[in-house]
């Protein structure tokens, strides 16, 4: 089942690559995929995630234009996220997950949440910005899921009170950073995005999501320093770091909080 979910995730990654491109160029997400260079519609053989990239040696089969390596990387990461999410759910001891349909609903909703935040990481990687219109759509989707989750447990999402305060805390935290740094490292889009992250992990998890993002960013900074021998002028997108921290805390919040309690107790 994990293998099936992994391949499903590959397909979602391919869709996200298309979605990011079309949102940036303000195009409809409906209709067949096409070549970015010639606008010619692609055939089925061109659309197999990762496999098509390898078979055609990283080039478009029709025009031979070189395709960005980030496309298959995104598909692979998307597949791994799907497999990780399913594995996390499968190893969770919740009695209602014994019922097949509830298990399916739990997997679908949690994957939707994971891919909501993952989308913004991809957009920032491509275009160095947080797409505010998409944030609004994501807020609406998440609000609906949070309300449903209060009546029927369909995800790892927190309760409404925790989500609201988590969203306010997340937005406020990044807002303070933006004020202190005068927008030197983050922008308004990051405020909205971390507010969204706060709604996903709740007030109990927002600090740990922030710490995961900051520590990972610091590690990347050290790697860049070792490779380029300089940090001045080097910029690192923060949305992928926010997404990373949010996904980890969303899936493993209970384990993280339990570990913190044990360390504090000791």
Protein backbone atom coordinates (compact mmCIF):
# COMPACT_ATOMS: atom_id res chain seq x y z
CA UNK A 1 0.00 0.00 0.00
CA UNK A 2 2.86 2.36 0.77
CA UNK A 3 4.25 1.73 -2.74
CA UNK A 4 0.85 2.54 -4.26
CA UNK A 5 0.65 5.74 -2.19
CA UNK A 6 4.20 6.64 -3.27
CA UNK A 7 3.27 6.44 -6.96
CA UNK A 8 0.12 8.43 -6.24
CA UNK A 9 2.38 11.06 -4.67
CA UNK A 10 4.54 11.12 -7.81
CA UNK A 11 1.44 11.99 -9.84
CA UNK A 12 0.49 14.73 -7.38
CA UNK A 13 4.00 16.15 -7.69
CA UNK A 14 3.60 16.32 -11.46
CA UNK A 15 0.28 18.12 -10.97
CA UNK A 16 1.87 20.59 -8.53
CA UNK A 17 4.60 21.40 -11.05
CA UNK A 18 1.89 22.27 -13.55
CA UNK A 19 -0.18 24.17 -10.97
CA UNK A 20 2.72 26.41 -9.91
CA UNK A 21 3.52 27.26 -13.54
CA UNK A 22 -0.08 28.09 -14.45
CA UNK A 23 -0.75 30.13 -11.31
CA UNK A 24 2.33 32.26 -11.99
CA UNK A 25 1.26 32.83 -15.61
CA UNK A 26 -2.39 33.30 -14.61
CA UNK A 27 -3.62 30.42 -16.75
CA UNK A 28 -6.46 27.97 -16.16
CA UNK A 29 -5.48 24.75 -14.42
CA UNK A 30 -7.92 22.89 -16.67
CA UNK A 31 -6.90 21.38 -19.98
CA UNK A 32 -4.09 19.12 -21.13
CA UNK A 33 -0.44 19.68 -20.29
CA UNK A 34 1.69 21.34 -22.94
CA UNK A 35 5.32 22.13 -23.73
CA UNK A 36 6.46 25.34 -22.02
CA UNK A 37 8.43 26.33 -25.11
CA UNK A 38 6.20 25.50 -28.09
CA UNK A 39 2.80 25.25 -26.31
CA UNK A 40 2.25 21.95 -28.14
CA UNK A 41 0.09 19.49 -26.22
CA UNK A 42 1.94 16.59 -24.63
CA UNK A 43 1.12 12.92 -25.12
CA UNK A 44 0.68 10.27 -22.43
CA UNK A 45 4.25 9.06 -22.94
CA UNK A 46 5.50 12.52 -21.90
CA UNK A 47 3.57 12.63 -18.64
CA UNK A 48 4.87 9.72 -16.55
CA UNK A 49 6.39 11.29 -13.41
CA UNK A 50 10.20 10.88 -13.22
CA UNK A 51 10.12 8.05 -15.78
CA UNK A 52 9.47 10.38 -18.75
CA UNK A 53 12.30 12.65 -17.60
CA UNK A 54 14.72 9.72 -17.52
CA UNK A 55 13.54 8.17 -20.79
CA UNK A 56 13.87 11.44 -22.68
CA UNK A 57 17.18 12.30 -20.99
CA UNK A 58 15.87 15.41 -19.31
CA UNK A 59 14.55 16.94 -22.52
CA UNK A 60 11.18 17.58 -24.09
CA UNK A 61 10.47 14.72 -26.49
CA UNK A 62 8.99 17.07 -29.08
CA UNK A 63 11.25 20.14 -29.15
CA UNK A 64 14.31 18.76 -27.31
CA UNK A 65 14.37 21.73 -24.93
CA UNK A 66 16.13 20.93 -21.67
CA UNK A 67 13.75 20.43 -18.74
CA UNK A 68 14.59 21.77 -15.26
CA UNK A 69 15.90 19.09 -12.93
CA UNK A 70 13.59 20.44 -10.24
CA UNK A 71 10.61 18.79 -11.98
CA UNK A 72 11.55 15.15 -11.22
CA UNK A 73 12.94 16.19 -7.82
CA UNK A 74 9.58 17.68 -6.88
CA UNK A 75 7.82 14.52 -8.05
CA UNK A 76 10.12 12.32 -5.96
CA UNK A 77 9.75 14.50 -2.86
CA UNK A 78 5.98 14.50 -3.37
CA UNK A 79 5.98 10.70 -3.54
CA UNK A 80 8.06 10.45 -0.38
CA UNK A 81 5.74 12.87 1.44
CA UNK A 82 2.75 10.73 0.48
CA UNK A 83 4.48 7.55 1.67
CA UNK A 84 5.61 9.22 4.93
CA UNK A 85 2.09 10.53 5.61
CA UNK A 86 0.52 7.14 5.00
CA UNK A 87 3.13 5.39 7.16
CA UNK A 88 2.49 7.88 9.96
CA UNK A 89 -1.25 7.24 9.80
CA UNK A 90 -0.82 3.47 9.55
CA UNK A 91 1.32 3.40 12.71
CA UNK A 92 -1.13 5.58 14.66
CA UNK A 93 -3.24 3.71 17.19
CA UNK A 94 -6.65 5.28 16.68
CA UNK A 95 -9.62 2.88 16.98
CA UNK A 96 -11.70 4.45 14.19
CA UNK A 97 -8.89 3.87 11.67
CA UNK A 98 -9.84 0.19 11.70
CA UNK A 99 -12.77 1.06 9.44
CA UNK A 100 -11.65 1.15 5.76
CA UNK A 101 -13.64 4.22 4.68
CA UNK A 102 -12.54 6.26 7.68
CA UNK A 103 -8.96 5.23 7.00
CA UNK A 104 -9.29 6.40 3.38
CA UNK A 105 -10.80 9.72 4.50
CA UNK A 106 -7.99 10.17 7.05
CA UNK A 107 -5.33 9.58 4.41
CA UNK A 108 -6.94 11.92 1.86
CA UNK A 109 -7.44 14.82 4.28
CA UNK A 110 -3.96 14.59 5.79
CA UNK A 111 -2.38 14.42 2.33
CA UNK A 112 -4.42 17.47 1.32
CA UNK A 113 -3.04 19.42 4.29
CA UNK A 114 0.53 18.32 3.55
CA UNK A 115 0.28 19.27 -0.12
CA UNK A 116 -1.36 22.62 0.71
CA UNK A 117 1.78 23.79 2.50
CA UNK A 118 4.11 21.97 0.08
CA UNK A 119 2.64 23.96 -2.82
CA UNK A 120 3.89 27.23 -1.33
CA UNK A 121 7.38 25.79 -0.93
CA UNK A 122 7.44 24.98 -4.64
CA UNK A 123 6.10 28.37 -5.67
CA UNK A 124 8.75 30.14 -3.61
CA UNK A 125 11.51 27.92 -5.01
CA UNK A 126 10.49 28.84 -8.55
CA UNK A 127 9.55 32.51 -8.21
CA UNK A 128 10.93 33.79 -4.89
CA UNK A 129 7.54 34.84 -3.54
CA UNK A 130 4.49 33.61 -1.67
CA UNK A 131 1.44 33.68 -3.92
CA UNK A 132 -1.05 35.60 -1.76
CA UNK A 133 -4.15 34.60 -3.77
CA UNK A 134 -3.33 30.95 -3.13
CA UNK A 135 -2.89 31.68 0.57
CA UNK A 136 -6.47 32.96 0.71
CA UNK A 137 -7.76 29.81 -1.02
CA UNK A 138 -5.68 27.68 1.35
CA UNK A 139 -7.13 29.51 4.38
CA UNK A 140 -10.66 28.76 3.17
CA UNK A 141 -9.91 25.07 2.52
CA UNK A 142 -8.19 24.71 5.88
CA UNK A 143 -11.04 26.46 7.71
CA UNK A 144 -13.52 23.99 6.21
CA UNK A 145 -11.33 21.03 7.18
CA UNK A 146 -10.93 22.34 10.73
CA UNK A 147 -14.69 22.66 11.16
CA UNK A 148 -15.27 19.14 9.81
CA UNK A 149 -12.52 17.81 12.05
CA UNK A 150 -14.41 19.07 15.13
CA UNK A 151 -17.31 16.73 14.40
CA UNK A 152 -15.56 13.84 12.65
CA UNK A 153 -11.88 13.11 13.27
CA UNK A 154 -10.41 13.08 9.76
CA UNK A 155 -6.90 14.42 10.30
CA UNK A 156 -4.11 15.39 12.68
CA UNK A 157 -5.40 18.98 12.63
CA UNK A 158 -5.79 20.68 16.02
CA UNK A 159 -9.07 21.87 17.54
CA UNK A 160 -10.48 25.22 16.39
CA UNK A 161 -9.26 27.23 19.40
CA UNK A 162 -5.72 25.91 19.08
CA UNK A 163 -5.78 26.51 15.32
CA UNK A 164 -6.94 30.13 15.65
CA UNK A 165 -4.38 31.01 18.31
CA UNK A 166 -1.71 29.08 16.42
CA UNK A 167 -2.46 31.10 13.28
CA UNK A 168 -2.31 34.40 15.16
CA UNK A 169 0.90 33.36 16.93
CA UNK A 170 2.53 32.24 13.68
CA UNK A 171 1.64 35.41 11.81
CA UNK A 172 2.68 37.55 14.77
CA UNK A 173 6.00 35.76 15.17
CA UNK A 174 7.04 36.32 11.56
CA UNK A 175 5.61 39.85 11.69
CA UNK A 176 7.97 40.67 14.55
CA UNK A 177 10.91 39.20 12.61
CA UNK A 178 9.98 41.30 9.56
CA UNK A 179 9.82 44.46 11.71
CA UNK A 180 13.16 43.76 13.39
CA UNK A 181 14.95 42.91 10.15
CA UNK A 182 13.03 45.60 8.21
CA UNK A 183 12.06 43.01 5.62
CA UNK A 184 15.65 41.99 5.05
CA UNK A 185 15.00 38.26 5.08
CA UNK A 186 11.23 37.81 5.03
CA UNK A 187 8.22 39.56 3.58
CA UNK A 188 4.48 39.96 3.96
CA UNK A 189 3.87 36.68 2.18
CA UNK A 190 5.82 34.81 4.85
CA UNK A 191 3.57 36.35 7.53
CA UNK A 192 0.46 34.96 5.83
CA UNK A 193 2.14 31.61 5.19
CA UNK A 194 3.25 31.11 8.78
CA UNK A 195 -0.23 32.10 9.90
CA UNK A 196 -1.46 29.23 7.75
CA UNK A 197 1.20 26.98 9.29
CA UNK A 198 0.01 27.95 12.76
CA UNK A 199 -3.53 26.85 11.90
CA UNK A 200 -2.16 23.49 10.74
CA UNK A 201 -0.03 22.68 13.81
CA UNK A 202 -1.94 24.64 16.45
CA UNK A 203 -0.67 26.80 19.28
CA UNK A 204 1.14 23.79 20.80
CA UNK A 205 3.22 23.17 17.69
CA UNK A 206 3.86 26.58 16.14
CA UNK A 207 7.05 27.28 18.10
CA UNK A 208 8.52 23.91 17.16
CA UNK A 209 7.64 24.44 13.50
CA UNK A 210 9.42 27.80 13.68
CA UNK A 211 12.46 26.24 15.36
CA UNK A 212 12.63 23.47 12.75
CA UNK A 213 12.54 26.09 9.97
CA UNK A 214 15.16 28.31 11.57
CA UNK A 215 17.55 25.48 12.49
CA UNK A 216 17.28 24.00 8.98
CA UNK A 217 17.92 27.45 7.51
CA UNK A 218 20.98 27.85 9.73
CA UNK A 219 22.27 24.47 8.58
CA UNK A 220 21.80 25.48 4.94
CA UNK A 221 23.62 28.72 5.67
CA UNK A 222 26.58 26.80 7.07
CA UNK A 223 26.64 24.54 4.00
CA UNK A 224 26.56 27.57 1.69
CA UNK A 225 29.36 29.16 3.72
CA UNK A 226 31.52 26.04 3.42
CA UNK A 227 30.91 25.76 -0.34
CA UNK A 228 31.03 29.41 -1.42
CA UNK A 229 33.20 30.73 1.40
CA UNK A 230 30.78 33.61 1.87
CA UNK A 231 27.30 34.39 3.15
CA UNK A 232 27.01 38.04 2.16
CA UNK A 233 24.63 38.42 -0.74
CA UNK A 234 23.42 34.81 -0.52
CA UNK A 235 19.65 34.48 -0.14
CA UNK A 236 17.69 31.43 1.00
CA UNK A 237 13.94 31.12 0.42
CA UNK A 238 12.07 30.80 3.70
CA UNK A 239 8.79 29.29 2.43
CA UNK A 240 10.35 25.83 1.84
CA UNK A 241 11.73 25.96 5.39
CA UNK A 242 8.31 26.91 6.76
CA UNK A 243 6.77 24.03 4.80
CA UNK A 244 9.40 21.59 6.10
CA UNK A 245 8.90 22.60 9.73
CA UNK A 246 5.12 22.59 9.42
CA UNK A 247 4.90 19.14 7.81
CA UNK A 248 7.22 17.55 10.37
CA UNK A 249 5.33 19.03 13.32
CA UNK A 250 1.94 18.31 11.74
CA UNK A 251 2.73 14.62 11.34
CA UNK A 252 4.76 14.10 14.52
CA UNK A 253 3.52 16.80 16.90
CA UNK A 254 2.51 14.39 19.66
CA UNK A 255 5.88 12.63 19.60
CA UNK A 256 7.74 15.96 19.57
CA UNK A 257 5.74 17.34 22.50
CA UNK A 258 6.20 14.10 24.45
CA UNK A 259 9.96 14.24 23.86
CA UNK A 260 10.07 17.86 25.03
CA UNK A 261 8.14 16.96 28.19
CA UNK A 262 10.55 14.14 28.98
CA UNK A 263 13.59 16.33 28.42
CA UNK A 264 12.08 19.09 30.55
CA UNK A 265 11.21 16.59 33.28
CA UNK A 266 14.75 15.23 33.27
